[in-house]
Every structure is written in structure tokens, then in C-alpha cells.
PDB file of all heavy atoms in Angstrom:
ATOM      1  N   ALA A   1       0.834  -1.210  -0.001  1.00  0.00           N
ATOM      2  CA  ALA A   1      -0.002   0.002   0.000  1.00  0.00           C
ATOM      3  C   ALA A   1       0.863   1.254   0.006  1.00  0.00           C
ATOM      4  O   ALA A   1       0.583   2.230  -0.720  1.00  0.00           O
ATOM      5  CB  ALA A   1      -0.926  -0.014   1.214  1.00  0.00           C
ATOM      6  N   PHE A   2       1.929   1.243   0.797  1.00  0.00           N
ATOM      7  CA  PHE A   2       2.793   2.411   0.868  1.00  0.00           C
ATOM      8  C   PHE A   2       3.428   2.714  -0.485  1.00  0.00           C
ATOM      9  O   PHE A   2       3.336   3.843  -0.992  1.00  0.00           O
ATOM     10  CB  PHE A   2       3.897   2.197   1.916  1.00  0.00           C
ATOM     11  CG  PHE A   2       4.952   3.278   1.884  1.00  0.00           C
ATOM     12  CD1 PHE A   2       4.683   4.535   2.397  1.00  0.00           C
ATOM     13  CD2 PHE A   2       6.192   3.053   1.303  1.00  0.00           C
ATOM     14  CE1 PHE A   2       5.637   5.555   2.347  1.00  0.00           C
ATOM     15  CE2 PHE A   2       7.151   4.051   1.242  1.00  0.00           C
ATOM     16  CZ  PHE A   2       6.861   5.309   1.766  1.00  0.00           C
ATOM     17  N   TRP A   3       4.054   1.720  -1.090  1.00  0.00           N
ATOM     18  CA  TRP A   3       4.775   1.991  -2.331  1.00  0.00           C
ATOM     19  C   TRP A   3       3.832   2.264  -3.500  1.00  0.00           C
ATOM     20  O   TRP A   3       4.136   3.093  -4.365  1.00  0.00           O
ATOM     21  CB  TRP A   3       5.713   0.840  -2.651  1.00  0.00           C
ATOM     22  CG  TRP A   3       6.909   0.802  -1.767  1.00  0.00           C
ATOM     23  CD1 TRP A   3       7.194  -0.103  -0.796  1.00  0.00           C
ATOM     24  CD2 TRP A   3       8.004   1.721  -1.762  1.00  0.00           C
ATOM     25  NE1 TRP A   3       8.376   0.191  -0.161  1.00  0.00           N
ATOM     26  CE2 TRP A   3       8.899   1.301  -0.741  1.00  0.00           C
ATOM     27  CE3 TRP A   3       8.323   2.859  -2.509  1.00  0.00           C
ATOM     28  CZ2 TRP A   3      10.095   1.993  -0.471  1.00  0.00           C
ATOM     29  CZ3 TRP A   3       9.506   3.534  -2.243  1.00  0.00           C
ATOM     30  CH2 TRP A   3      10.366   3.108  -1.220  1.00  0.00           C
ATOM     31  N   GLU A   4       2.685   1.590  -3.517  1.00  0.00           N
ATOM     32  CA  GLU A   4       1.758   1.833  -4.626  1.00  0.00           C
ATOM     33  C   GLU A   4       1.119   3.220  -4.547  1.00  0.00           C
ATOM     34  O   GLU A   4       0.704   3.774  -5.565  1.00  0.00           O
ATOM     35  CB  GLU A   4       0.680   0.751  -4.659  1.00  0.00           C
ATOM     36  CG  GLU A   4       1.217  -0.600  -5.108  1.00  0.00           C
ATOM     37  CD  GLU A   4       0.132  -1.637  -5.314  1.00  0.00           C
ATOM     38  OE1 GLU A   4      -1.050  -1.329  -5.018  1.00  0.00           O
ATOM     39  OE2 GLU A   4       0.451  -2.754  -5.764  1.00  0.00           O
ATOM     40  N   ARG A   5       1.062   3.794  -3.343  1.00  0.00           N
ATOM     41  CA  ARG A   5       0.497   5.121  -3.169  1.00  0.00           C
ATOM     42  C   ARG A   5       1.572   6.201  -3.029  1.00  0.00           C
ATOM     43  O   ARG A   5       1.242   7.369  -2.807  1.00  0.00           O
ATOM     44  CB  ARG A   5      -0.414   5.140  -1.937  1.00  0.00           C
ATOM     45  CG  ARG A   5      -1.676   4.292  -2.086  1.00  0.00           C
ATOM     46  CD  ARG A   5      -2.678   4.971  -2.995  1.00  0.00           C
ATOM     47  NE  ARG A   5      -3.791   4.096  -3.324  1.00  0.00           N
ATOM     48  CZ  ARG A   5      -4.976   4.532  -3.718  1.00  0.00           C
ATOM     49  NH1 ARG A   5      -5.199   5.812  -3.820  1.00  0.00           N
ATOM     50  NH2 ARG A   5      -5.924   3.678  -4.005  1.00  0.00           N
ATOM     51  N   LYS A   6       2.835   5.825  -3.134  1.00  0.00           N
ATOM     52  CA  LYS A   6       3.912   6.787  -2.880  1.00  0.00           C
ATOM     53  C   LYS A   6       3.851   7.978  -3.822  1.00  0.00           C
ATOM     54  O   LYS A   6       4.080   9.126  -3.420  1.00  0.00           O
ATOM     55  CB  LYS A   6       5.267   6.071  -2.981  1.00  0.00           C
ATOM     56  CG  LYS A   6       6.332   6.639  -2.059  1.00  0.00           C
ATOM     57  CD  LYS A   6       7.024   7.856  -2.600  1.00  0.00           C
ATOM     58  CE  LYS A   6       7.830   7.558  -3.834  1.00  0.00           C
ATOM     59  NZ  LYS A   6       8.588   8.760  -4.305  1.00  0.00           N
ATOM     60  N   ALA A   7       3.544   7.766  -5.075  1.00  0.00           N
ATOM     61  CA  ALA A   7       3.448   8.876  -6.034  1.00  0.00           C
ATOM     62  C   ALA A   7       2.348   9.838  -5.637  1.00  0.00           C
ATOM     63  O   ALA A   7       2.504  11.066  -5.736  1.00  0.00           O
ATOM     64  CB  ALA A   7       3.220   8.343  -7.449  1.00  0.00           C
ATOM     65  N   ASP A   8       1.224   9.301  -5.172  1.00  0.00           N
ATOM     66  CA  ASP A   8       0.126  10.168  -4.717  1.00  0.00           C
ATOM     67  C   ASP A   8       0.538  10.932  -3.463  1.00  0.00           C
ATOM     68  O   ASP A   8       0.194  12.111  -3.308  1.00  0.00           O
ATOM     69  CB  ASP A   8      -1.117   9.328  -4.406  1.00  0.00           C
ATOM     70  CG  ASP A   8      -1.686   8.656  -5.641  1.00  0.00           C
ATOM     71  OD1 ASP A   8      -1.502   9.196  -6.747  1.00  0.00           O
ATOM     72  OD2 ASP A   8      -2.302   7.578  -5.516  1.00  0.00           O
ATOM     73  N   LEU A   9       1.269  10.259  -2.567  1.00  0.00           N
ATOM     74  CA  LEU A   9       1.748  10.936  -1.368  1.00  0.00           C
ATOM     75  C   LEU A   9       2.663  12.096  -1.747  1.00  0.00           C
ATOM     76  O   LEU A   9       2.561  13.193  -1.203  1.00  0.00           O
ATOM     77  CB  LEU A   9       2.519   9.959  -0.490  1.00  0.00           C
ATOM     78  CG  LEU A   9       1.681   8.907   0.272  1.00  0.00           C
ATOM     79  CD1 LEU A   9       2.604   7.830   0.858  1.00  0.00           C
ATOM     80  CD2 LEU A   9       0.883   9.560   1.382  1.00  0.00           C
ATOM     81  N   ALA A  10       3.564  11.876  -2.714  1.00  0.00           N
ATOM     82  CA  ALA A  10       4.496  12.911  -3.134  1.00  0.00           C
ATOM     83  C   ALA A  10       3.796  14.072  -3.816  1.00  0.00           C
ATOM     84  O   ALA A  10       4.203  15.228  -3.689  1.00  0.00           O
ATOM     85  CB  ALA A  10       5.554  12.321  -4.052  1.00  0.00           C
ATOM     86  N   ALA A  11       2.714  13.768  -4.522  1.00  0.00           N
ATOM     87  CA  ALA A  11       1.952  14.829  -5.197  1.00  0.00           C
ATOM     88  C   ALA A  11       1.291  15.744  -4.168  1.00  0.00           C
ATOM     89  O   ALA A  11       1.121  16.953  -4.406  1.00  0.00           O
ATOM     90  CB  ALA A  11       0.919  14.228  -6.120  1.00  0.00           C
ATOM     91  N   ALA A  12       0.926  15.157  -3.037  1.00  0.00           N
ATOM     92  CA  ALA A  12       0.248  15.949  -1.993  1.00  0.00           C
ATOM     93  C   ALA A  12       1.239  16.632  -1.060  1.00  0.00           C
ATOM     94  O   ALA A  12       0.992  17.744  -0.584  1.00  0.00           O
ATOM     95  CB  ALA A  12      -0.697  15.044  -1.182  1.00  0.00           C
ATOM     96  N   SER A  13       2.367  15.984  -0.753  1.00  0.00           N
ATOM     97  CA  SER A  13       3.363  16.533   0.171  1.00  0.00           C
ATOM     98  C   SER A  13       4.748  16.256  -0.401  1.00  0.00           C
ATOM     99  O   SER A  13       5.140  15.093  -0.572  1.00  0.00           O
ATOM    100  CB  SER A  13       3.234  15.889   1.554  1.00  0.00           C
ATOM    101  OG  SER A  13       1.991  16.196   2.148  1.00  0.00           O
ATOM    102  N   ALA A  14       5.502  17.320  -0.655  1.00  0.00           N
ATOM    103  CA  ALA A  14       6.764  17.191  -1.368  1.00  0.00           C
ATOM    104  C   ALA A  14       7.795  16.346  -0.656  1.00  0.00           C
ATOM    105  O   ALA A  14       8.693  15.788  -1.299  1.00  0.00           O
ATOM    106  CB  ALA A  14       7.339  18.598  -1.626  1.00  0.00           C
ATOM    107  N   TRP A  15       7.690  16.206   0.680  1.00  0.00           N
ATOM    108  CA  TRP A  15       8.722  15.456   1.395  1.00  0.00           C
ATOM    109  C   TRP A  15       8.776  13.981   0.999  1.00  0.00           C
ATOM    110  O   TRP A  15       9.777  13.311   1.217  1.00  0.00           O
ATOM    111  CB  TRP A  15       8.580  15.598   2.896  1.00  0.00           C
ATOM    112  CG  TRP A  15       7.218  15.367   3.495  1.00  0.00           C
ATOM    113  CD1 TRP A  15       6.397  14.294   3.290  1.00  0.00           C
ATOM    114  CD2 TRP A  15       6.538  16.206   4.424  1.00  0.00           C
ATOM    115  NE1 TRP A  15       5.250  14.404   4.031  1.00  0.00           N
ATOM    116  CE2 TRP A  15       5.302  15.584   4.743  1.00  0.00           C
ATOM    117  CE3 TRP A  15       6.864  17.413   5.028  1.00  0.00           C
ATOM    118  CZ2 TRP A  15       4.385  16.143   5.638  1.00  0.00           C
ATOM    119  CZ3 TRP A  15       5.944  17.982   5.921  1.00  0.00           C
ATOM    120  CH2 TRP A  15       4.717  17.342   6.200  1.00  0.00           C
ATOM    121  N   TRP A  16       7.705  13.456   0.401  1.00  0.00           N
ATOM    122  CA  TRP A  16       7.742  12.059  -0.040  1.00  0.00           C
ATOM    123  C   TRP A  16       8.527  11.888  -1.332  1.00  0.00           C
ATOM    124  O   TRP A  16       8.867  10.760  -1.711  1.00  0.00           O
ATOM    125  CB  TRP A  16       6.324  11.541  -0.243  1.00  0.00           C
ATOM    126  CG  TRP A  16       5.550  11.429   1.043  1.00  0.00           C
ATOM    127  CD1 TRP A  16       4.503  12.225   1.444  1.00  0.00           C
ATOM    128  CD2 TRP A  16       5.770  10.497   2.097  1.00  0.00           C
ATOM    129  NE1 TRP A  16       4.062  11.834   2.672  1.00  0.00           N
ATOM    130  CE2 TRP A  16       4.828  10.784   3.114  1.00  0.00           C
ATOM    131  CE3 TRP A  16       6.677   9.460   2.298  1.00  0.00           C
ATOM    132  CZ2 TRP A  16       4.757  10.063   4.294  1.00  0.00           C
ATOM    133  CZ3 TRP A  16       6.623   8.747   3.471  1.00  0.00           C
ATOM    134  CH2 TRP A  16       5.669   9.044   4.454  1.00  0.00           C
ATOM    135  N   GLY A  17       8.850  12.993  -2.022  1.00  0.00           N
ATOM    136  CA  GLY A  17       9.548  12.902  -3.296  1.00  0.00           C
ATOM    137  C   GLY A  17      10.937  12.302  -3.190  1.00  0.00           C
ATOM    138  O   GLY A  17      11.443  11.728  -4.147  1.00  0.00           O
ATOM    139  N   GLY A  18      11.560  12.436  -2.023  1.00  0.00           N
ATOM    140  CA  GLY A  18      12.914  11.916  -1.846  1.00  0.00           C
ATOM    141  C   GLY A  18      12.961  10.462  -1.420  1.00  0.00           C
ATOM    142  O   GLY A  18      14.067   9.914  -1.229  1.00  0.00           O
ATOM    143  N   VAL A  19      11.811   9.835  -1.259  1.00  0.00           N
ATOM    144  CA  VAL A  19      11.772   8.436  -0.848  1.00  0.00           C
ATOM    145  C   VAL A  19      11.716   7.556  -2.084  1.00  0.00           C
ATOM    146  O   VAL A  19      10.765   7.612  -2.861  1.00  0.00           O
ATOM    147  CB  VAL A  19      10.569   8.144   0.059  1.00  0.00           C
ATOM    148  CG1 VAL A  19      10.515   6.667   0.443  1.00  0.00           C
ATOM    149  CG2 VAL A  19      10.629   9.013   1.316  1.00  0.00           C
ATOM    150  N   ASP A  20      12.763   6.759  -2.275  1.00  0.00           N
ATOM    151  CA  ASP A  20      12.790   5.874  -3.431  1.00  0.00           C
ATOM    152  C   ASP A  20      13.592   4.609  -3.091  1.00  0.00           C
ATOM    153  O   ASP A  20      13.983   4.414  -1.934  1.00  0.00           O
ATOM    154  CB  ASP A  20      13.379   6.575  -4.652  1.00  0.00           C
ATOM    155  CG  ASP A  20      14.765   7.149  -4.399  1.00  0.00           C
ATOM    156  OD1 ASP A  20      15.484   6.616  -3.509  1.00  0.00           O
ATOM    157  OD2 ASP A  20      15.157   8.108  -5.074  1.00  0.00           O
ATOM    158  N   SER A  21      13.829   3.793  -4.077  1.00  0.00           N
ATOM    159  CA  SER A  21      14.502   2.511  -3.840  1.00  0.00           C
ATOM    160  C   SER A  21      15.907   2.687  -3.292  1.00  0.00           C
ATOM    161  O   SER A  21      16.438   1.786  -2.624  1.00  0.00           O
ATOM    162  CB  SER A  21      14.543   1.683  -5.127  1.00  0.00           C
ATOM    163  OG  SER A  21      15.232   2.381  -6.153  1.00  0.00           O
ATOM    164  N   ASP A  22      16.546   3.844  -3.558  1.00  0.00           N
ATOM    165  CA  ASP A  22      17.901   4.067  -3.056  1.00  0.00           C
ATOM    166  C   ASP A  22      17.955   4.032  -1.521  1.00  0.00           C
ATOM    167  O   ASP A  22      18.971   3.669  -0.934  1.00  0.00           O
ATOM    168  CB  ASP A  22      18.445   5.407  -3.550  1.00  0.00           C
ATOM    169  CG  ASP A  22      18.758   5.395  -5.040  1.00  0.00           C
ATOM    170  OD1 ASP A  22      18.818   4.299  -5.619  1.00  0.00           O
ATOM    171  OD2 ASP A  22      18.910   6.489  -5.613  1.00  0.00           O
ATOM    172  N   LEU A  23      16.858   4.433  -0.871  1.00  0.00           N
ATOM    173  CA  LEU A  23      16.843   4.483   0.600  1.00  0.00           C
ATOM    174  C   LEU A  23      16.768   3.093   1.223  1.00  0.00           C
ATOM    175  O   LEU A  23      17.009   2.950   2.416  1.00  0.00           O
ATOM    176  CB  LEU A  23      15.665   5.335   1.089  1.00  0.00           C
ATOM    177  CG  LEU A  23      15.707   6.835   0.785  1.00  0.00           C
ATOM    178  CD1 LEU A  23      14.585   7.552   1.510  1.00  0.00           C
ATOM    179  CD2 LEU A  23      17.060   7.444   1.151  1.00  0.00           C
ATOM    180  N   MET A  24      16.489   2.070   0.421  1.00  0.00           N
ATOM    181  CA  MET A  24      16.447   0.722   0.962  1.00  0.00           C
ATOM    182  C   MET A  24      17.813   0.305   1.515  1.00  0.00           C
ATOM    183  O   MET A  24      17.895  -0.491   2.444  1.00  0.00           O
ATOM    184  CB  MET A  24      16.009  -0.267  -0.119  1.00  0.00           C
ATOM    185  CG  MET A  24      14.569  -0.102  -0.599  1.00  0.00           C
ATOM    186  SD  MET A  24      13.363  -0.446   0.684  1.00  0.00           S
ATOM    187  CE  MET A  24      13.658  -2.195   0.969  1.00  0.00           C
ATOM    188  N   ALA A  25      18.877   0.869   0.954  1.00  0.00           N
ATOM    189  CA  ALA A  25      20.231   0.535   1.407  1.00  0.00           C
ATOM    190  C   ALA A  25      20.483   1.017   2.838  1.00  0.00           C
ATOM    191  O   ALA A  25      21.402   0.538   3.512  1.00  0.00           O
ATOM    192  CB  ALA A  25      21.262   1.160   0.479  1.00  0.00           C
ATOM    193  N   ASN A  26      19.662   1.964   3.313  1.00  0.00           N
ATOM    194  CA  ASN A  26      19.844   2.491   4.678  1.00  0.00           C
ATOM    195  C   ASN A  26      19.223   1.600   5.739  1.00  0.00           C
ATOM    196  O   ASN A  26      19.403   1.842   6.932  1.00  0.00           O
ATOM    197  CB  ASN A  26      19.217   3.885   4.780  1.00  0.00           C
ATOM    198  CG  ASN A  26      19.945   4.914   3.942  1.00  0.00           C
ATOM    199  OD1 ASN A  26      21.137   4.803   3.704  1.00  0.00           O
ATOM    200  ND2 ASN A  26      19.219   5.928   3.482  1.00  0.00           N
ATOM    201  N   ILE A  27      18.503   0.560   5.320  1.00  0.00           N
ATOM    202  CA  ILE A  27      17.914  -0.365   6.289  1.00  0.00           C
ATOM    203  C   ILE A  27      18.993  -1.375   6.665  1.00  0.00           C
ATOM    204  O   ILE A  27      19.321  -2.283   5.909  1.00  0.00           O
ATOM    205  CB  ILE A  27      16.679  -1.084   5.713  1.00  0.00           C
ATOM    206  CG1 ILE A  27      15.613  -0.054   5.333  1.00  0.00           C
ATOM    207  CG2 ILE A  27      16.125  -2.075   6.722  1.00  0.00           C
ATOM    208  CD1 ILE A  27      14.379  -0.651   4.676  1.00  0.00           C
ATOM    209  N   ALA A  28      19.545  -1.181   7.874  1.00  0.00           N
ATOM    210  CA  ALA A  28      20.676  -2.006   8.297  1.00  0.00           C
ATOM    211  C   ALA A  28      20.271  -3.363   8.858  1.00  0.00           C
ATOM    212  O   ALA A  28      21.033  -4.323   8.803  1.00  0.00           O
ATOM    213  CB  ALA A  28      21.502  -1.244   9.349  1.00  0.00           C
ATOM    214  N   GLY A  29      19.057  -3.464   9.410  1.00  0.00           N
ATOM    215  CA  GLY A  29      18.618  -4.710  10.032  1.00  0.00           C
ATOM    216  C   GLY A  29      17.749  -5.545   9.108  1.00  0.00           C
ATOM    217  O   GLY A  29      17.685  -5.356   7.895  1.00  0.00           O
ATOM    218  N   LYS A  30      17.047  -6.478   9.714  1.00  0.00           N
ATOM    219  CA  LYS A  30      16.219  -7.422   8.940  1.00  0.00           C
ATOM    220  C   LYS A  30      14.910  -6.784   8.506  1.00  0.00           C
ATOM    221  O   LYS A  30      14.305  -6.008   9.241  1.00  0.00           O
ATOM    222  CB  LYS A  30      15.950  -8.674   9.780  1.00  0.00           C
ATOM    223  CG  LYS A  30      17.196  -9.510  10.047  1.00  0.00           C
ATOM    224  CD  LYS A  30      16.846 -10.786  10.756  1.00  0.00           C
ATOM    225  CE  LYS A  30      18.093 -11.633  11.005  1.00  0.00           C
ATOM    226  NZ  LYS A  30      18.729 -12.054   9.745  1.00  0.00           N
ATOM    227  N   ILE A  31      14.472  -7.173   7.321  1.00  0.00           N
ATOM    228  CA  ILE A  31      13.192  -6.735   6.778  1.00  0.00           C
ATOM    229  C   ILE A  31      12.154  -7.831   7.057  1.00  0.00           C
ATOM    230  O   ILE A  31      12.461  -9.018   6.991  1.00  0.00           O
ATOM    231  CB  ILE A  31      13.315  -6.458   5.275  1.00  0.00           C
ATOM    232  CG1 ILE A  31      14.207  -5.209   5.062  1.00  0.00           C
ATOM    233  CG2 ILE A  31      11.961  -6.278   4.616  1.00  0.00           C
ATOM    234  CD1 ILE A  31      14.499  -4.915   3.611  1.00  0.00           C
ATOM    235  N   HIS A  32      10.949  -7.410   7.401  1.00  0.00           N
ATOM    236  CA  HIS A  32       9.881  -8.373   7.704  1.00  0.00           C
ATOM    237  C   HIS A  32       9.654  -9.285   6.493  1.00  0.00           C
ATOM    238  O   HIS A  32       9.633  -8.812   5.355  1.00  0.00           O
ATOM    239  CB  HIS A  32       8.576  -7.625   8.026  1.00  0.00           C
ATOM    240  CG  HIS A  32       7.554  -8.476   8.686  1.00  0.00           C
ATOM    241  ND1 HIS A  32       6.892  -9.465   8.011  1.00  0.00           N
ATOM    242  CD2 HIS A  32       7.069  -8.476   9.963  1.00  0.00           C
ATOM    243  CE1 HIS A  32       6.036 -10.053   8.847  1.00  0.00           C
ATOM    244  NE2 HIS A  32       6.139  -9.470  10.025  1.00  0.00           N
ATOM    245  N   PRO A  33       9.510 -10.588   6.717  1.00  0.00           N
ATOM    246  CA  PRO A  33       9.303 -11.522   5.593  1.00  0.00           C
ATOM    247  C   PRO A  33       8.142 -11.125   4.679  1.00  0.00           C
ATOM    248  O   PRO A  33       8.213 -11.318   3.459  1.00  0.00           O
ATOM    249  CB  PRO A  33       9.020 -12.852   6.276  1.00  0.00           C
ATOM    250  CG  PRO A  33       9.699 -12.744   7.603  1.00  0.00           C
ATOM    251  CD  PRO A  33       9.562 -11.304   8.010  1.00  0.00           C
ATOM    252  N   GLY A  34       7.066 -10.572   5.250  1.00  0.00           N
ATOM    253  CA  GLY A  34       5.946 -10.145   4.422  1.00  0.00           C
ATOM    254  C   GLY A  34       6.318  -8.990   3.519  1.00  0.00           C
ATOM    255  O   GLY A  34       5.951  -8.970   2.333  1.00  0.00           O
ATOM    256  N   ALA A  35       7.078  -8.025   4.055  1.00  0.00           N
ATOM    257  CA  ALA A  35       7.562  -6.912   3.245  1.00  0.00           C
ATOM    258  C   ALA A  35       8.559  -7.416   2.198  1.00  0.00           C
ATOM    259  O   ALA A  35       8.534  -6.983   1.036  1.00  0.00           O
ATOM    260  CB  ALA A  35       8.201  -5.845   4.128  1.00  0.00           C
ATOM    261  N   ALA A  36       9.423  -8.339   2.602  1.00  0.00           N
ATOM    262  CA  ALA A  36      10.412  -8.897   1.673  1.00  0.00           C
ATOM    263  C   ALA A  36       9.736  -9.578   0.489  1.00  0.00           C
ATOM    264  O   ALA A  36      10.225  -9.516  -0.644  1.00  0.00           O
ATOM    265  CB  ALA A  36      11.323  -9.882   2.414  1.00  0.00           C
ATOM    266  N   ARG A  37       8.599 -10.221   0.762  1.00  0.00           N
ATOM    267  CA  ARG A  37       7.866 -10.858  -0.331  1.00  0.00           C
ATOM    268  C   ARG A  37       7.457  -9.828  -1.386  1.00  0.00           C
ATOM    269  O   ARG A  37       7.572 -10.062  -2.597  1.00  0.00           O
ATOM    270  CB  ARG A  37       6.609 -11.559   0.206  1.00  0.00           C
ATOM    271  CG  ARG A  37       5.881 -12.405  -0.827  1.00  0.00           C
ATOM    272  CD  ARG A  37       4.387 -12.529  -0.606  1.00  0.00           C
ATOM    273  NE  ARG A  37       4.010 -12.803   0.771  1.00  0.00           N
ATOM    274  CZ  ARG A  37       2.748 -12.711   1.216  1.00  0.00           C
ATOM    275  NH1 ARG A  37       1.792 -12.357   0.364  1.00  0.00           N
ATOM    276  NH2 ARG A  37       2.462 -12.934   2.469  1.00  0.00           N
ATOM    277  N   TYR A  38       7.005  -8.663  -0.917  1.00  0.00           N
ATOM    278  CA  TYR A  38       6.603  -7.617  -1.867  1.00  0.00           C
ATOM    279  C   TYR A  38       7.820  -7.129  -2.653  1.00  0.00           C
ATOM    280  O   TYR A  38       7.748  -6.961  -3.887  1.00  0.00           O
ATOM    281  CB  TYR A  38       5.960  -6.436  -1.131  1.00  0.00           C
ATOM    282  CG  TYR A  38       5.662  -5.269  -2.032  1.00  0.00           C
ATOM    283  CD1 TYR A  38       4.595  -5.322  -2.927  1.00  0.00           C
ATOM    284  CD2 TYR A  38       6.479  -4.154  -2.053  1.00  0.00           C
ATOM    285  CE1 TYR A  38       4.350  -4.275  -3.805  1.00  0.00           C
ATOM    286  CE2 TYR A  38       6.244  -3.101  -2.918  1.00  0.00           C
ATOM    287  CZ  TYR A  38       5.172  -3.174  -3.802  1.00  0.00           C
ATOM    288  OH  TYR A  38       4.928  -2.131  -4.679  1.00  0.00           O
ATOM    289  N   TYR A  39       8.943  -6.903  -1.985  1.00  0.00           N
ATOM    290  CA  TYR A  39      10.132  -6.401  -2.676  1.00  0.00           C
ATOM    291  C   TYR A  39      10.609  -7.406  -3.714  1.00  0.00           C
ATOM    292  O   TYR A  39      11.061  -7.025  -4.812  1.00  0.00           O
ATOM    293  CB  TYR A  39      11.241  -6.078  -1.671  1.00  0.00           C
ATOM    294  CG  TYR A  39      10.888  -4.905  -0.787  1.00  0.00           C
ATOM    295  CD1 TYR A  39      10.944  -4.996   0.610  1.00  0.00           C
ATOM    296  CD2 TYR A  39      10.482  -3.690  -1.340  1.00  0.00           C
ATOM    297  CE1 TYR A  39      10.599  -3.916   1.405  1.00  0.00           C
ATOM    298  CE2 TYR A  39      10.136  -2.613  -0.548  1.00  0.00           C
ATOM    299  CZ  TYR A  39      10.200  -2.726   0.820  1.00  0.00           C
ATOM    300  OH  TYR A  39       9.844  -1.662   1.608  1.00  0.00           O
ATOM    301  N   LYS A  40      10.509  -8.670  -3.418  1.00  0.00           N
ATOM    302  CA  LYS A  40      10.892  -9.707  -4.398  1.00  0.00           C
ATOM    303  C   LYS A  40       9.953  -9.661  -5.609  1.00  0.00           C
ATOM    304  O   LYS A  40      10.393  -9.807  -6.750  1.00  0.00           O
ATOM    305  CB  LYS A  40      10.855 -11.083  -3.752  1.00  0.00           C
ATOM    306  CG  LYS A  40      11.986 -11.335  -2.770  1.00  0.00           C
ATOM    307  CD  LYS A  40      11.845 -12.711  -2.126  1.00  0.00           C
ATOM    308  CE  LYS A  40      12.941 -12.950  -1.084  1.00  0.00           C
ATOM    309  NZ  LYS A  40      12.767 -14.267  -0.416  1.00  0.00           N
ATOM    310  N   GLU A  41       8.679  -9.443  -5.347  1.00  0.00           N
ATOM    311  CA  GLU A  41       7.701  -9.389  -6.449  1.00  0.00           C
ATOM    312  C   GLU A  41       7.999  -8.264  -7.424  1.00  0.00           C
ATOM    313  O   GLU A  41       7.797  -8.401  -8.640  1.00  0.00           O
ATOM    314  CB  GLU A  41       6.280  -9.199  -5.880  1.00  0.00           C
ATOM    315  CG  GLU A  41       5.682 -10.465  -5.286  1.00  0.00           C
ATOM    316  CD  GLU A  41       4.256 -10.235  -4.795  1.00  0.00           C
ATOM    317  OE1 GLU A  41       3.735  -9.107  -4.980  1.00  0.00           O
ATOM    318  OE2 GLU A  41       3.667 -11.182  -4.236  1.00  0.00           O
ATOM    319  N   ILE A  42       8.464  -7.111  -6.902  1.00  0.00           N
ATOM    320  CA  ILE A  42       8.714  -5.976  -7.782  1.00  0.00           C
ATOM    321  C   ILE A  42      10.162  -5.925  -8.271  1.00  0.00           C
ATOM    322  O   ILE A  42      10.564  -4.996  -8.967  1.00  0.00           O
ATOM    323  CB  ILE A  42       8.321  -4.647  -7.116  1.00  0.00           C
ATOM    324  CG1 ILE A  42       9.143  -4.384  -5.857  1.00  0.00           C
ATOM    325  CG2 ILE A  42       6.824  -4.611  -6.804  1.00  0.00           C
ATOM    326  CD1 ILE A  42       8.890  -3.001  -5.247  1.00  0.00           C
ATOM    327  N   GLY A  43      10.962  -6.940  -7.878  1.00  0.00           N
ATOM    328  CA  GLY A  43      12.309  -7.057  -8.414  1.00  0.00           C
ATOM    329  C   GLY A  43      13.374  -6.242  -7.716  1.00  0.00           C
ATOM    330  O   GLY A  43      14.435  -5.977  -8.307  1.00  0.00           O
ATOM    331  N   TRP A  44      13.141  -5.818  -6.472  1.00  0.00           N
ATOM    332  CA  TRP A  44      14.141  -5.080  -5.732  1.00  0.00           C
ATOM    333  C   TRP A  44      15.018  -6.062  -4.966  1.00  0.00           C
ATOM    334  O   TRP A  44      14.527  -6.897  -4.222  1.00  0.00           O
ATOM    335  CB  TRP A  44      13.490  -4.098  -4.755  1.00  0.00           C
ATOM    336  CG  TRP A  44      12.851  -2.918  -5.423  1.00  0.00           C
ATOM    337  CD1 TRP A  44      12.703  -2.712  -6.755  1.00  0.00           C
ATOM    338  CD2 TRP A  44      12.269  -1.787  -4.774  1.00  0.00           C
ATOM    339  NE1 TRP A  44      12.064  -1.524  -6.993  1.00  0.00           N
ATOM    340  CE2 TRP A  44      11.784  -0.928  -5.791  1.00  0.00           C
ATOM    341  CE3 TRP A  44      12.102  -1.418  -3.455  1.00  0.00           C
ATOM    342  CZ2 TRP A  44      11.161   0.289  -5.516  1.00  0.00           C
ATOM    343  CZ3 TRP A  44      11.464  -0.204  -3.176  1.00  0.00           C
ATOM    344  CH2 TRP A  44      11.012   0.630  -4.191  1.00  0.00           C
ATOM    345  N   ALA A  45      16.303  -5.923  -5.150  1.00  0.00           N
ATOM    346  CA  ALA A  45      17.252  -6.826  -4.494  1.00  0.00           C
ATOM    347  C   ALA A  45      17.457  -6.418  -3.033  1.00  0.00           C
ATOM    348  O   ALA A  45      17.574  -5.226  -2.716  1.00  0.00           O
ATOM    349  CB  ALA A  45      18.578  -6.800  -5.221  1.00  0.00           C
TER     350      ALA A  45
END
């Protein structure tokens, strides 16, 4: 829901414009398996 609506969020509030796949590298710990399933579906390593 977050990523599919991210463009709409950015259109309403500019601070969402800087959130993209590059920020995934800043996640130092483990990602929830359910979230990881979504990232695998969209091809994010």
C-alpha cells in the first residue's frame, strides 16, 4: 500500500519525493518476511 500510493503521497506533500528505492540501502537490520515478499515481487534486491 505504501509503495503503490507513494506517487500520490508525493503529489500531496513534497517530502515524499525523496523516498525511493535508493533508501532501501539504509535499512541495516532485517526486513519483515511479508515486506520482503513484496520487494521480491517488484524485483528489488
